[in-house]
């Protein structure tokens, strides 16, 4: 039985919510901050991550992955410069300590210092009209600007037609920091918009579960195939250049809760999973949405299942990269 396409479900919870009017700000405590400071910070990160940090400009940010020697993602970052020798890397708090420890192992005599700067910066999510200074940002995702309030503003991929950005502000000694203006946006709504953007960040349950292409990172600015070596680079490049990728990230809707790391099955094989959930959030009306990395062959026919419940495939909000 083929899966029912979303277009045939006009009254379902997967399509009934109009997000275009969403706007507001929400604190994002799930994001931690790693700081790389020193004259060789960019050079060092360039040799460790999947994106080009050597040419990172002050008006740009980078989506990037930190991989094992086998090309498996140990962490993912949104990175940008605060000044020419000060680079911040945003990642999930639950992978920060292990990632910082591993990155620090490779610093050796490089002229930089790596540290956990999570307490020194407050991270906010801005959606819709609630982005002071957003008019400074070019339309493309991963643009970056400094605001008059002293915060860094990074444009994210939009979601459901809603513009989004991250606001990263320094915390003063008295614990205060510039707060973006705007109404409060409930955290679950931000999480849902994040999922519907189709871009999943690495958190603890899926550490080393994917090479970057399994989360479509090559299609959303997370991999640069023209830069030099980094851990796992040969595996990542081979995955891209040798034949069709067998796993990709897809958007899914479920009537039941989904969790990161949860296995997904195909109705033709109840024993062997065909994918895992990479990020998930409750839908504003009913059910749950998720980004899942799946075997491409499992999405062409039959039914996908999670905990015995049928899943609905949703269209990705961005095109996949055909060539590089």
Protein backbone atom coordinates (compact mmCIF):
# COMPACT_ATOMS: atom_id res chain seq x y z
CA UNK A 1 0.00 0.00 0.00
CA UNK A 2 1.61 3.32 -1.02
CA UNK A 3 1.98 6.03 1.59
CA UNK A 4 -0.63 8.76 1.34
CA UNK A 5 0.97 11.99 0.11
CA UNK A 6 0.37 15.12 2.15
CA UNK A 7 -1.46 16.76 -0.75
CA UNK A 8 -4.22 14.17 -0.35
CA UNK A 9 -4.74 15.11 3.29
CA UNK A 10 -6.03 18.71 3.13
CA UNK A 11 -7.88 18.45 6.45
CA UNK A 12 -5.25 16.55 8.40
CA UNK A 13 -3.35 17.96 11.37
CA UNK A 14 -0.23 17.83 9.22
CA UNK A 15 -1.48 20.65 6.99
CA UNK A 16 -4.25 22.47 8.89
CA UNK A 17 -2.14 24.92 10.90
CA UNK A 18 -1.35 28.32 9.37
CA UNK A 19 2.03 29.40 10.76
CA UNK A 20 2.39 32.53 8.65
CA UNK A 21 1.22 34.79 11.50
CA UNK A 22 3.65 33.40 14.06
CA UNK A 23 6.09 35.90 15.48
CA UNK A 24 7.86 36.26 18.78
CA UNK A 25 11.02 35.51 20.75
CA UNK A 26 12.00 32.58 22.92
CA UNK A 27 15.06 31.76 25.03
CA UNK A 28 16.93 28.68 23.80
CA UNK A 29 18.67 27.08 26.80
CA UNK A 30 19.27 23.90 24.78
CA UNK A 31 22.00 25.72 22.85
CA UNK A 32 25.51 25.82 24.29
CA UNK A 33 28.40 27.97 23.09
CA UNK A 34 31.99 26.90 22.43
CA UNK A 35 34.45 29.74 22.02
CA UNK A 36 37.60 29.52 19.88
CA UNK A 37 39.72 32.59 20.55
CA UNK A 38 43.14 33.40 19.16
CA UNK A 39 44.99 34.30 15.99
CA UNK A 40 44.75 30.74 14.63
CA UNK A 41 41.13 30.06 15.64
CA UNK A 42 39.80 30.12 12.08
CA UNK A 43 42.70 28.05 10.75
CA UNK A 44 42.21 25.41 13.44
CA UNK A 45 38.43 25.10 12.92
CA UNK A 46 38.94 25.00 9.17
CA UNK A 47 40.97 21.83 9.66
CA UNK A 48 38.41 20.18 11.95
CA UNK A 49 34.95 20.95 10.54
CA UNK A 50 33.08 20.29 7.30
CA UNK A 51 32.78 23.96 6.35
CA UNK A 52 35.23 26.67 5.30
CA UNK A 53 36.20 28.78 8.32
CA UNK A 54 39.37 30.21 6.80
CA UNK A 55 37.26 32.47 4.55
CA UNK A 56 34.51 33.11 7.11
CA UNK A 57 33.58 36.79 6.87
CA UNK A 58 32.14 39.03 9.56
CA UNK A 59 28.77 39.09 7.76
CA UNK A 60 28.49 35.30 7.47
CA UNK A 61 27.76 32.30 9.64
CA UNK A 62 28.47 28.65 8.93
CA UNK A 63 26.52 25.45 9.44
CA UNK A 64 29.12 22.74 10.00
CA UNK A 65 29.66 19.25 11.36
CA UNK A 66 32.44 17.78 13.49
CA UNK A 67 32.95 14.20 12.36
CA UNK A 68 34.77 11.11 13.54
CA UNK A 69 37.45 9.49 11.40
CA UNK A 70 34.64 7.36 9.94
CA UNK A 71 32.75 10.47 8.79
CA UNK A 72 30.05 10.18 11.46
CA UNK A 73 28.72 13.41 12.96
CA UNK A 74 29.74 13.88 16.59
CA UNK A 75 28.32 17.40 16.74
CA UNK A 76 26.89 20.10 14.50
CA UNK A 77 27.50 23.81 14.84
CA UNK A 78 26.35 27.23 13.76
CA UNK A 79 29.57 29.21 13.81
CA UNK A 80 30.42 32.88 13.30
CA UNK A 81 33.02 35.49 14.17
CA UNK A 82 32.49 37.99 16.96
CA UNK A 83 35.74 39.62 15.85
CA UNK A 84 38.60 38.43 13.60
CA UNK A 85 40.13 36.28 16.36
CA UNK A 86 36.97 35.28 18.25
CA UNK A 87 34.70 32.55 16.82
CA UNK A 88 31.58 31.19 18.54
CA UNK A 89 30.21 27.72 17.82
CA UNK A 90 26.61 27.02 18.84
CA UNK A 91 25.75 23.38 19.51
CA UNK A 92 23.40 21.27 21.60
CA UNK A 93 24.24 21.51 25.30
CA UNK A 94 24.15 17.75 25.71
CA UNK A 95 27.06 17.20 23.31
CA UNK A 96 29.09 20.29 24.26
CA UNK A 97 31.35 18.85 26.97
CA UNK A 98 32.41 15.78 24.99
CA UNK A 99 32.85 17.81 21.81
CA UNK A 100 34.93 20.50 23.49
CA UNK A 101 37.14 17.84 25.08
CA UNK A 102 37.72 16.12 21.75
CA UNK A 103 38.36 19.34 19.82
CA UNK A 104 40.79 20.48 22.49
CA UNK A 105 42.83 17.31 21.98
CA UNK A 106 43.80 18.55 18.53
CA UNK A 107 44.74 22.12 19.50
CA UNK A 108 48.31 21.21 20.56
CA UNK A 109 50.53 24.18 19.65
CA UNK A 110 47.92 26.09 17.64
CA UNK A 111 47.54 29.68 18.80
CA UNK A 112 44.04 29.63 20.22
CA UNK A 113 42.09 28.73 23.33
CA UNK A 114 38.93 26.62 23.32
CA UNK A 115 36.40 27.12 26.12
CA UNK A 116 32.80 26.59 27.15
CA UNK A 117 31.29 30.07 26.84
CA UNK A 118 27.66 29.06 27.43
CA UNK A 119 27.43 31.19 30.59
CA UNK A 120 28.85 34.20 28.75
CA UNK A 121 26.15 34.35 26.06
CA UNK A 122 22.36 34.19 25.96
CA UNK A 123 20.82 32.55 22.89
CA UNK A 124 17.33 33.50 21.68
CA UNK A 125 15.21 32.43 18.76
CA UNK A 126 13.39 35.14 16.78
CA UNK A 127 10.49 34.35 14.48
CA UNK A 128 8.50 36.45 12.04
CA UNK A 129 8.43 40.18 12.68
CA UNK A 130 10.35 39.90 15.97
CA UNK A 131 13.84 40.40 14.64
CA UNK A 132 15.22 43.85 15.48
CA UNK A 133 17.90 44.63 12.94
CA UNK A 134 16.83 41.74 10.71
CA UNK A 135 16.43 44.19 7.87
CA UNK A 136 20.23 44.42 7.89
CA UNK A 137 20.51 40.75 6.99
CA UNK A 138 20.60 39.60 3.38
CA UNK A 139 17.90 37.09 2.51
CA UNK A 140 20.11 33.97 2.25
CA UNK A 141 20.35 31.76 5.35
CA UNK A 142 23.57 31.93 7.37
CA UNK A 143 23.85 35.69 6.93
CA UNK A 144 25.05 37.47 10.08
CA UNK A 145 25.02 41.01 11.46
CA UNK A 146 25.79 42.81 14.70
CA UNK A 147 22.87 44.68 16.29
CA UNK A 148 23.00 48.08 18.01
CA UNK A 149 22.29 46.23 21.27
CA UNK A 150 25.60 44.33 20.95
CA UNK A 151 24.07 41.01 19.95
CA UNK A 152 24.94 38.88 16.94
CA UNK A 153 22.02 38.08 14.64
CA UNK A 154 22.20 34.98 12.41
CA UNK A 155 19.55 34.29 9.80
CA UNK A 156 18.32 30.69 9.75
CA UNK A 157 16.42 28.81 7.09
CA UNK A 158 12.78 29.93 7.10
CA UNK A 159 10.06 27.54 8.21
CA UNK A 160 6.44 27.40 7.05
CA UNK A 161 6.95 30.81 5.44
CA UNK A 162 8.17 32.31 8.73
CA UNK A 163 11.50 34.16 8.80
CA UNK A 164 13.75 33.03 11.65
CA UNK A 165 17.00 34.14 13.25
CA UNK A 166 19.21 33.48 16.26
CA UNK A 167 20.08 36.31 18.64
CA UNK A 168 23.30 35.71 20.58
CA UNK A 169 24.01 38.37 23.21
CA UNK A 170 26.88 38.67 25.72
CA UNK A 171 25.98 38.32 29.39
CA UNK A 172 27.29 41.06 31.68
CA UNK A 173 28.91 40.44 35.07
CA UNK A 174 25.59 41.17 36.79
CA UNK A 175 23.94 38.40 34.74
CA UNK A 176 21.99 40.70 32.41
CA UNK A 177 22.13 40.67 28.63
CA UNK A 178 20.32 42.51 25.82
CA UNK A 179 16.97 40.85 25.19
CA UNK A 180 15.36 40.96 21.76
CA UNK A 181 12.09 42.85 21.53
CA UNK A 182 8.89 41.02 20.73
CA UNK A 183 6.10 38.95 22.26
CA UNK A 184 6.95 35.66 23.90
CA UNK A 185 6.83 32.72 21.53
CA UNK A 186 6.09 29.42 23.30
CA UNK A 187 9.14 27.16 23.16
CA UNK A 188 7.19 24.22 21.62
CA UNK A 189 6.21 26.45 18.67
CA UNK A 190 9.86 27.38 18.08
CA UNK A 191 10.82 23.70 18.30
CA UNK A 192 8.13 22.83 15.75
CA UNK A 193 9.30 25.55 13.36
CA UNK A 194 12.84 24.25 13.77
CA UNK A 195 11.73 20.75 12.79
CA UNK A 196 9.70 22.01 9.85
CA UNK A 197 12.75 23.83 8.53
CA UNK A 198 14.05 20.35 7.68
CA UNK A 199 17.44 20.89 9.36
CA UNK A 200 18.32 18.77 12.38
CA UNK A 201 21.15 19.51 14.82
CA UNK A 202 23.08 16.68 16.44
CA UNK A 203 22.07 15.87 20.01
CA UNK A 204 23.23 13.09 22.32
CA UNK A 205 20.87 10.29 21.18
CA UNK A 206 22.16 10.49 17.59
CA UNK A 207 25.88 11.15 18.09
CA UNK A 208 27.79 9.25 15.38
CA UNK A 209 24.56 8.02 13.79
CA UNK A 210 24.94 9.89 10.48
CA UNK A 211 27.36 11.10 7.88
CA UNK A 212 26.39 14.71 6.98
CA UNK A 213 24.51 13.78 3.79
CA UNK A 214 22.16 11.56 5.81
CA UNK A 215 20.81 14.83 7.25
CA UNK A 216 21.01 16.70 3.89
CA UNK A 217 23.81 18.93 5.19
CA UNK A 218 25.37 19.16 1.75
CA UNK A 219 22.11 20.74 0.51
CA UNK A 220 21.71 23.35 3.26
CA UNK A 221 25.20 24.81 3.43
CA UNK A 222 26.74 22.42 5.94
CA UNK A 223 29.52 20.86 3.81
CA UNK A 224 32.16 22.45 1.60
CA UNK A 225 33.62 19.89 -0.82
CA UNK A 226 36.33 22.26 -2.05
CA UNK A 227 38.09 22.84 1.27
CA UNK A 228 41.01 20.89 2.64
CA UNK A 229 41.11 17.87 4.90
CA UNK A 230 39.25 17.40 8.17
CA UNK A 231 38.44 14.28 10.22
CA UNK A 232 36.23 11.98 8.15
CA UNK A 233 36.66 14.04 4.98
CA UNK A 234 37.43 11.03 2.75
CA UNK A 235 34.29 9.21 3.87
CA UNK A 236 32.11 12.32 3.42
CA UNK A 237 33.52 12.97 -0.05
CA UNK A 238 33.20 9.32 -1.08
CA UNK A 239 29.56 9.30 0.06
CA UNK A 240 28.91 12.23 -2.27
CA UNK A 241 30.84 11.19 -5.35
CA UNK A 242 30.36 7.42 -5.54
CA UNK A 243 26.83 6.67 -6.60
CA UNK A 244 23.44 7.56 -5.19
CA UNK A 245 23.17 8.35 -1.49
CA UNK A 246 21.17 5.59 0.19
CA UNK A 247 19.97 7.62 3.19
CA UNK A 248 18.50 11.10 3.30
CA UNK A 249 16.63 13.31 5.74
CA UNK A 250 12.84 13.51 5.36
CA UNK A 251 10.01 15.27 7.16
CA UNK A 252 7.40 13.06 8.81
CA UNK A 253 4.12 13.48 10.67
CA UNK A 254 2.82 11.07 13.31
CA UNK A 255 -0.35 10.92 15.36
CA UNK A 256 1.77 9.80 18.34
CA UNK A 257 4.81 11.33 20.11
CA UNK A 258 8.19 10.86 18.47
CA UNK A 259 11.59 11.11 20.15
CA UNK A 260 15.14 11.71 18.96
CA UNK A 261 16.88 8.41 18.28
CA UNK A 262 13.62 6.50 17.88
CA UNK A 263 13.77 3.80 15.22
CA UNK A 264 11.52 3.83 12.17
CA UNK A 265 10.44 0.69 10.35
CA UNK A 266 8.94 -0.21 6.99
CA UNK A 267 5.84 -2.39 6.91
CA UNK A 268 7.74 -4.97 4.84
CA UNK A 269 10.23 -5.63 7.66
CA UNK A 270 9.23 -5.30 11.30
CA UNK A 271 12.66 -6.38 12.58
CA UNK A 272 15.14 -4.18 10.75
CA UNK A 273 14.80 -0.38 11.15
CA UNK A 274 15.00 1.70 7.99
CA UNK A 275 15.81 4.97 9.77
CA UNK A 276 15.90 7.04 12.95
CA UNK A 277 14.36 10.26 14.20
CA UNK A 278 16.93 13.10 14.25
CA UNK A 279 14.69 15.85 15.71
CA UNK A 280 11.04 15.98 16.76
CA UNK A 281 8.45 18.38 18.16
CA UNK A 282 4.70 18.38 18.82
CA UNK A 283 2.54 19.74 16.02
CA UNK A 284 0.56 22.84 17.13
CA UNK A 285 -2.76 21.14 16.43
CA UNK A 286 -2.29 17.41 16.83
CA UNK A 287 0.40 14.76 16.65
CA UNK A 288 4.14 15.20 16.14
CA UNK A 289 6.45 16.20 13.32
CA UNK A 290 10.03 15.00 12.88
CA UNK A 291 13.12 15.12 10.76
CA UNK A 292 14.17 11.52 10.18
CA UNK A 293 17.10 9.99 8.34
CA UNK A 294 15.69 7.18 6.22
CA UNK A 295 16.72 4.71 3.57
CA UNK A 296 15.58 6.36 0.36
CA UNK A 297 14.22 3.04 -0.93
CA UNK A 298 11.86 2.82 2.08
CA UNK A 299 10.13 6.08 1.13
CA UNK A 300 9.03 5.14 -2.39
CA UNK A 301 6.30 2.64 -1.52
CA UNK A 302 4.75 0.90 1.44
CA UNK A 303 4.12 2.34 4.91
CA UNK A 304 6.59 3.78 7.40
CA UNK A 305 5.96 2.97 11.06
CA UNK A 306 7.09 4.25 14.45
CA UNK A 307 6.02 2.28 17.52
CA UNK A 308 3.43 0.59 15.29
CA UNK A 309 1.84 3.86 14.14
CA UNK A 310 1.73 4.79 10.44
CA UNK A 311 3.70 7.90 9.46
CA UNK A 312 2.97 10.47 6.77
CA UNK A 313 5.78 11.79 4.57
CA UNK A 314 5.79 15.58 4.19
CA UNK A 315 7.57 17.56 1.47
CA UNK A 316 11.00 18.97 2.24
CA UNK A 317 11.10 22.79 2.35
CA UNK A 318 14.31 22.98 0.29
CA UNK A 319 15.66 21.25 -2.83
CA UNK A 320 18.31 18.57 -2.52
CA UNK A 321 21.63 19.30 -4.17
CA UNK A 322 21.97 17.42 -7.44
CA UNK A 323 25.64 18.16 -8.03
CA UNK A 324 28.45 20.24 -6.59
